Amino acid sequence: MTAQLPARVRAWFADTFYCETPDQAADAMADATRWGWLPALSGVAVGAGHAREQYEKSAAEPGGMSA
């Protein structure tokens, strides 16, 4: 079992990350750039919601930031 693991990982890596033709490489790069921004965008959305919530809390308190 442990002797087969490195070979299986190596085979998976080769199948996943090596493209046979330039067209396959271009398609893989297009997919990476098309969907690579999603995690950053979700972080921005979460941060914006958190900032909005904190602003509302501080505005409601006497002596808050917008007083």
PDB file of N, CA and C in Angstrom:
ATOM      1  N   MET A   1       0.822  -1.194   0.000  1.00  0.00           N
ATOM      2  CA  MET A   1       0.000   0.000   0.000  1.00  0.00           C
ATOM      3  C   MET A   1       0.867   1.259   0.000  1.00  0.00           C
ATOM      4  N   THR A   2       1.814   1.380   0.926  1.00  0.00           N
ATOM      5  CA  THR A   2       2.625   2.598   0.981  1.00  0.00           C
ATOM      6  C   THR A   2       3.591   2.685  -0.193  1.00  0.00           C
ATOM      7  N   ALA A   3       3.989   1.572  -0.766  1.00  0.00           N
ATOM      8  CA  ALA A   3       4.871   1.612  -1.934  1.00  0.00           C
ATOM      9  C   ALA A   3       4.106   2.118  -3.161  1.00  0.00           C
ATOM     10  N   GLN A   4       2.826   1.880  -3.227  1.00  0.00           N
ATOM     11  CA  GLN A   4       2.026   2.312  -4.370  1.00  0.00           C
ATOM     12  C   GLN A   4       1.610   3.782  -4.264  1.00  0.00           C
ATOM     13  N   LEU A   5       1.568   4.312  -3.085  1.00  0.00           N
ATOM     14  CA  LEU A   5       1.071   5.674  -2.893  1.00  0.00           C
ATOM     15  C   LEU A   5       1.871   6.706  -3.680  1.00  0.00           C
ATOM     16  N   PRO A   6       3.200   6.748  -3.611  1.00  0.00           N
ATOM     17  CA  PRO A   6       3.921   7.758  -4.402  1.00  0.00           C
ATOM     18  C   PRO A   6       3.677   7.615  -5.905  1.00  0.00           C
ATOM     19  N   ALA A   7       3.572   6.397  -6.385  1.00  0.00           N
ATOM     20  CA  ALA A   7       3.312   6.192  -7.812  1.00  0.00           C
ATOM     21  C   ALA A   7       1.922   6.687  -8.190  1.00  0.00           C
ATOM     22  N   ARG A   8       0.954   6.455  -7.327  1.00  0.00           N
ATOM     23  CA  ARG A   8      -0.410   6.921  -7.599  1.00  0.00           C
ATOM     24  C   ARG A   8      -0.488   8.439  -7.560  1.00  0.00           C
ATOM     25  N   VAL A   9       0.191   9.061  -6.609  1.00  0.00           N
ATOM     26  CA  VAL A   9       0.206  10.523  -6.525  1.00  0.00           C
ATOM     27  C   VAL A   9       0.895  11.100  -7.758  1.00  0.00           C
ATOM     28  N   ARG A  10       2.002  10.516  -8.155  1.00  0.00           N
ATOM     29  CA  ARG A  10       2.726  10.977  -9.336  1.00  0.00           C
ATOM     30  C   ARG A  10       1.853  10.855 -10.591  1.00  0.00           C
ATOM     31  N   ALA A  11       1.138   9.754 -10.736  1.00  0.00           N
ATOM     32  CA  ALA A  11       0.254   9.558 -11.893  1.00  0.00           C
ATOM     33  C   ALA A  11      -0.895  10.565 -11.879  1.00  0.00           C
ATOM     34  N   TRP A  12      -1.465  10.799 -10.709  1.00  0.00           N
ATOM     35  CA  TRP A  12      -2.547  11.785 -10.612  1.00  0.00           C
ATOM     36  C   TRP A  12      -2.049  13.165 -10.978  1.00  0.00           C
ATOM     37  N   PHE A  13      -0.878  13.525 -10.471  1.00  0.00           N
ATOM     38  CA  PHE A  13      -0.302  14.831 -10.751  1.00  0.00           C
ATOM     39  C   PHE A  13      -0.060  15.007 -12.249  1.00  0.00           C
ATOM     40  N   ALA A  14       0.497  13.995 -12.882  1.00  0.00           N
ATOM     41  CA  ALA A  14       0.772  14.062 -14.316  1.00  0.00           C
ATOM     42  C   ALA A  14      -0.516  14.167 -15.121  1.00  0.00           C
ATOM     43  N   ASP A  15      -1.530  13.417 -14.746  1.00  0.00           N
ATOM     44  CA  ASP A  15      -2.810  13.480 -15.462  1.00  0.00           C
ATOM     45  C   ASP A  15      -3.499  14.820 -15.271  1.00  0.00           C
ATOM     46  N   THR A  16      -3.322  15.408 -14.115  1.00  0.00           N
ATOM     47  CA  THR A  16      -4.031  16.642 -13.796  1.00  0.00           C
ATOM     48  C   THR A  16      -3.351  17.879 -14.361  1.00  0.00           C
ATOM     49  N   PHE A  17      -2.040  17.958 -14.284  1.00  0.00           N
ATOM     50  CA  PHE A  17      -1.347  19.207 -14.565  1.00  0.00           C
ATOM     51  C   PHE A  17      -0.562  19.261 -15.875  1.00  0.00           C
ATOM     52  N   TYR A  18      -0.456  18.176 -16.601  1.00  0.00           N
ATOM     53  CA  TYR A  18       0.272  18.202 -17.864  1.00  0.00           C
ATOM     54  C   TYR A  18      -0.702  18.082 -19.015  1.00  0.00           C
ATOM     55  N   CYS A  19      -0.609  18.996 -19.948  1.00  0.00           N
ATOM     56  CA  CYS A  19      -1.492  19.010 -21.113  1.00  0.00           C
ATOM     57  C   CYS A  19      -0.744  18.436 -22.307  1.00  0.00           C
ATOM     58  N   GLU A  20      -1.477  17.721 -23.152  1.00  0.00           N
ATOM     59  CA  GLU A  20      -0.844  17.077 -24.302  1.00  0.00           C
ATOM     60  C   GLU A  20      -0.691  18.015 -25.493  1.00  0.00           C
ATOM     61  N   THR A  21      -1.587  18.974 -25.638  1.00  0.00           N
ATOM     62  CA  THR A  21      -1.513  19.880 -26.787  1.00  0.00           C
ATOM     63  C   THR A  21      -1.531  21.326 -26.304  1.00  0.00           C
ATOM     64  N   PRO A  22      -1.071  22.240 -27.145  1.00  0.00           N
ATOM     65  CA  PRO A  22      -1.145  23.659 -26.767  1.00  0.00           C
ATOM     66  C   PRO A  22      -2.592  24.136 -26.563  1.00  0.00           C
ATOM     67  N   ASP A  23      -3.527  23.562 -27.299  1.00  0.00           N
ATOM     68  CA  ASP A  23      -4.935  23.941 -27.122  1.00  0.00           C
ATOM     69  C   ASP A  23      -5.445  23.555 -25.738  1.00  0.00           C
ATOM     70  N   GLN A  24      -5.055  22.370 -25.263  1.00  0.00           N
ATOM     71  CA  GLN A  24      -5.453  21.954 -23.915  1.00  0.00           C
ATOM     72  C   GLN A  24      -4.841  22.875 -22.869  1.00  0.00           C
ATOM     73  N   ALA A  25      -3.601  23.274 -23.070  1.00  0.00           N
ATOM     74  CA  ALA A  25      -2.943  24.191 -22.131  1.00  0.00           C
ATOM     75  C   ALA A  25      -3.640  25.546 -22.126  1.00  0.00           C
ATOM     76  N   ALA A  26      -4.029  26.028 -23.295  1.00  0.00           N
ATOM     77  CA  ALA A  26      -4.718  27.314 -23.376  1.00  0.00           C
ATOM     78  C   ALA A  26      -6.087  27.235 -22.697  1.00  0.00           C
ATOM     79  N   ASP A  27      -6.799  26.129 -22.896  1.00  0.00           N
ATOM     80  CA  ASP A  27      -8.103  25.955 -22.241  1.00  0.00           C
ATOM     81  C   ASP A  27      -7.954  25.896 -20.725  1.00  0.00           C
ATOM     82  N   ALA A  28      -6.925  25.201 -20.247  1.00  0.00           N
ATOM     83  CA  ALA A  28      -6.697  25.109 -18.807  1.00  0.00           C
ATOM     84  C   ALA A  28      -6.367  26.476 -18.217  1.00  0.00           C
ATOM     85  N   MET A  29      -5.567  27.263 -18.922  1.00  0.00           N
ATOM     86  CA  MET A  29      -5.223  28.604 -18.448  1.00  0.00           C
ATOM     87  C   MET A  29      -6.452  29.505 -18.461  1.00  0.00           C
ATOM     88  N   ALA A  30      -7.289  29.375 -19.475  1.00  0.00           N
ATOM     89  CA  ALA A  30      -8.509  30.184 -19.534  1.00  0.00           C
ATOM     90  C   ALA A  30      -9.428  29.844 -18.363  1.00  0.00           C
ATOM     91  N   ASP A  31      -9.564  28.558 -18.043  1.00  0.00           N
ATOM     92  CA  ASP A  31     -10.397  28.165 -16.904  1.00  0.00           C
ATOM     93  C   ASP A  31      -9.834  28.702 -15.595  1.00  0.00           C
ATOM     94  N   ALA A  32      -8.519  28.645 -15.438  1.00  0.00           N
ATOM     95  CA  ALA A  32      -7.898  29.130 -14.200  1.00  0.00           C
ATOM     96  C   ALA A  32      -8.113  30.625 -14.034  1.00  0.00           C
ATOM     97  N   THR A  33      -7.986  31.384 -15.118  1.00  0.00           N
ATOM     98  CA  THR A  33      -8.174  32.825 -14.995  1.00  0.00           C
ATOM     99  C   THR A  33      -9.647  33.191 -14.905  1.00  0.00           C
ATOM    100  N   ARG A  34     -10.500  32.362 -15.486  1.00  0.00           N
ATOM    101  CA  ARG A  34     -11.937  32.650 -15.446  1.00  0.00           C
ATOM    102  C   ARG A  34     -12.496  32.464 -14.045  1.00  0.00           C
ATOM    103  N   TRP A  35     -12.063  31.433 -13.344  1.00  0.00           N
ATOM    104  CA  TRP A  35     -12.651  31.112 -12.040  1.00  0.00           C
ATOM    105  C   TRP A  35     -11.729  31.417 -10.865  1.00  0.00           C
ATOM    106  N   GLY A  36     -10.512  31.843 -11.106  1.00  0.00           N
ATOM    107  CA  GLY A  36      -9.561  32.080 -10.028  1.00  0.00           C
ATOM    108  C   GLY A  36      -9.895  33.258  -9.135  1.00  0.00           C
ATOM    109  N   TRP A  37     -10.705  34.184  -9.611  1.00  0.00           N
ATOM    110  CA  TRP A  37     -11.035  35.376  -8.830  1.00  0.00           C
ATOM    111  C   TRP A  37     -12.164  35.147  -7.844  1.00  0.00           C
ATOM    112  N   LEU A  38     -12.887  34.032  -7.924  1.00  0.00           N
ATOM    113  CA  LEU A  38     -14.042  33.813  -7.050  1.00  0.00           C
ATOM    114  C   LEU A  38     -13.724  33.830  -5.556  1.00  0.00           C
ATOM    115  N   PRO A  39     -12.661  33.160  -5.075  1.00  0.00           N
ATOM    116  CA  PRO A  39     -12.387  33.229  -3.628  1.00  0.00           C
ATOM    117  C   PRO A  39     -12.122  34.647  -3.144  1.00  0.00           C
ATOM    118  N   ALA A  40     -11.417  35.441  -3.933  1.00  0.00           N
ATOM    119  CA  ALA A  40     -11.151  36.829  -3.532  1.00  0.00           C
ATOM    120  C   ALA A  40     -12.440  37.629  -3.482  1.00  0.00           C
ATOM    121  N   LEU A  41     -13.309  37.415  -4.437  1.00  0.00           N
ATOM    122  CA  LEU A  41     -14.566  38.144  -4.457  1.00  0.00           C
ATOM    123  C   LEU A  41     -15.435  37.784  -3.256  1.00  0.00           C
ATOM    124  N   SER A  42     -15.467  36.523  -2.882  1.00  0.00           N
ATOM    125  CA  SER A  42     -16.275  36.141  -1.727  1.00  0.00           C
ATOM    126  C   SER A  42     -15.704  36.749  -0.447  1.00  0.00           C
ATOM    127  N   GLY A  43     -14.383  36.863  -0.358  1.00  0.00           N
ATOM    128  CA  GLY A  43     -13.779  37.507   0.798  1.00  0.00           C
ATOM    129  C   GLY A  43     -14.122  38.982   0.872  1.00  0.00           C
ATOM    130  N   VAL A  44     -14.190  39.639  -0.268  1.00  0.00           N
ATOM    131  CA  VAL A  44     -14.565  41.051  -0.304  1.00  0.00           C
ATOM    132  C   VAL A  44     -16.017  41.217   0.139  1.00  0.00           C
ATOM    133  N   ALA A  45     -16.881  40.320  -0.318  1.00  0.00           N
ATOM    134  CA  ALA A  45     -18.296  40.402   0.057  1.00  0.00           C
ATOM    135  C   ALA A  45     -18.468  40.196   1.560  1.00  0.00           C
ATOM    136  N   VAL A  46     -17.754  39.247   2.129  1.00  0.00           N
ATOM    137  CA  VAL A  46     -17.837  39.003   3.568  1.00  0.00           C
ATOM    138  C   VAL A  46     -17.292  40.206   4.335  1.00  0.00           C
ATOM    139  N   GLY A  47     -16.180  40.750   3.880  1.00  0.00           N
ATOM    140  CA  GLY A  47     -15.592  41.913   4.544  1.00  0.00           C
ATOM    141  C   GLY A  47     -16.494  43.129   4.480  1.00  0.00           C
ATOM    142  N   ALA A  48     -17.163  43.321   3.341  1.00  0.00           N
ATOM    143  CA  ALA A  48     -18.080  44.460   3.203  1.00  0.00           C
ATOM    144  C   ALA A  48     -19.257  44.321   4.165  1.00  0.00           C
ATOM    145  N   GLY A  49     -19.783  43.117   4.283  1.00  0.00           N
ATOM    146  CA  GLY A  49     -20.885  42.885   5.222  1.00  0.00           C
ATOM    147  C   GLY A  49     -20.455  43.124   6.659  1.00  0.00           C
ATOM    148  N   HIS A  50     -19.255  42.683   6.995  1.00  0.00           N
ATOM    149  CA  HIS A  50     -18.731  42.879   8.348  1.00  0.00           C
ATOM    150  C   HIS A  50     -18.523  44.372   8.627  1.00  0.00           C
ATOM    151  N   ALA A  51     -17.970  45.092   7.661  1.00  0.00           N
ATOM    152  CA  ALA A  51     -17.745  46.529   7.846  1.00  0.00           C
ATOM    153  C   ALA A  51     -19.068  47.268   8.006  1.00  0.00           C
ATOM    154  N   ARG A  52     -20.059  46.899   7.207  1.00  0.00           N
ATOM    155  CA  ARG A  52     -21.374  47.538   7.299  1.00  0.00           C
ATOM    156  C   ARG A  52     -21.985  47.296   8.680  1.00  0.00           C
ATOM    157  N   GLU A  53     -21.866  46.073   9.180  1.00  0.00           N
ATOM    158  CA  GLU A  53     -22.407  45.724  10.498  1.00  0.00           C
ATOM    159  C   GLU A  53     -21.705  46.506  11.606  1.00  0.00           C
ATOM    160  N   GLN A  54     -20.390  46.599  11.542  1.00  0.00           N
ATOM    161  CA  GLN A  54     -19.640  47.346  12.552  1.00  0.00           C
ATOM    162  C   GLN A  54     -19.972  48.837  12.500  1.00  0.00           C
ATOM    163  N   TYR A  55     -20.167  49.376  11.312  1.00  0.00           N
ATOM    164  CA  TYR A  55     -20.521  50.787  11.183  1.00  0.00           C
ATOM    165  C   TYR A  55     -21.891  51.055  11.816  1.00  0.00           C
ATOM    166  N   GLU A  56     -22.846  50.171  11.557  1.00  0.00           N
ATOM    167  CA  GLU A  56     -24.174  50.354  12.131  1.00  0.00           C
ATOM    168  C   GLU A  56     -24.129  50.286  13.658  1.00  0.00           C
ATOM    169  N   LYS A  57     -23.321  49.383  14.195  1.00  0.00           N
ATOM    170  CA  LYS A  57     -23.184  49.281  15.655  1.00  0.00           C
ATOM    171  C   LYS A  57     -22.561  50.547  16.233  1.00  0.00           C
ATOM    172  N   SER A  58     -21.510  51.034  15.598  1.00  0.00           N
ATOM    173  CA  SER A  58     -20.823  52.211  16.142  1.00  0.00           C
ATOM    174  C   SER A  58     -21.659  53.475  15.961  1.00  0.00           C
ATOM    175  N   ALA A  59     -22.451  53.546  14.915  1.00  0.00           N
ATOM    176  CA  ALA A  59     -23.303  54.718  14.695  1.00  0.00           C
ATOM    177  C   ALA A  59     -24.430  54.768  15.701  1.00  0.00           C
ATOM    178  N   ALA A  60     -24.880  53.607  16.172  1.00  0.00           N
ATOM    179  CA  ALA A  60     -25.984  53.547  17.132  1.00  0.00           C
ATOM    180  C   ALA A  60     -25.523  53.898  18.550  1.00  0.00           C
ATOM    181  N   GLU A  61     -24.227  53.703  18.833  1.00  0.00           N
ATOM    182  CA  GLU A  61     -23.715  53.988  20.177  1.00  0.00           C
ATOM    183  C   GLU A  61     -23.471  55.491  20.339  1.00  0.00           C
ATOM    184  N   PRO A  62     -23.740  56.020  21.550  1.00  0.00           N
ATOM    185  CA  PRO A  62     -23.397  57.426  21.778  1.00  0.00           C
ATOM    186  C   PRO A  62     -21.870  57.610  21.726  1.00  0.00           C
ATOM    187  N   GLY A  63     -21.442  58.646  21.058  1.00  0.00           N
ATOM    188  CA  GLY A  63     -20.013  58.890  20.925  1.00  0.00           C
ATOM    189  C   GLY A  63     -19.353  57.984  19.918  1.00  0.00           C
ATOM    190  N   GLY A  64     -20.156  57.408  19.021  1.00  0.00           N
ATOM    191  CA  GLY A  64     -19.622  56.513  17.990  1.00  0.00           C
ATOM    192  C   GLY A  64     -18.853  57.286  16.943  1.00  0.00           C
ATOM    193  N   MET A  65     -18.400  56.601  15.927  1.00  0.00           N
ATOM    194  CA  MET A  65     -17.574  57.227  14.910  1.00  0.00           C
ATOM    195  C   MET A  65     -18.306  58.303  14.134  1.00  0.00           C
ATOM    196  N   SER A  66     -19.596  58.167  13.900  1.00  0.00           N
ATOM    197  CA  SER A  66     -20.297  59.159  13.104  1.00  0.00           C
ATOM    198  C   SER A  66     -21.048  60.165  13.941  1.00  0.00           C
ATOM    199  N   ALA A  67     -20.686  60.324  15.177  1.00  0.00           N
ATOM    200  CA  ALA A  67     -21.359  61.282  16.057  1.00  0.00           C
ATOM    201  C   ALA A  67     -20.903  62.694  15.833  1.00  0.00           C
TER     202      ALA A  67
END
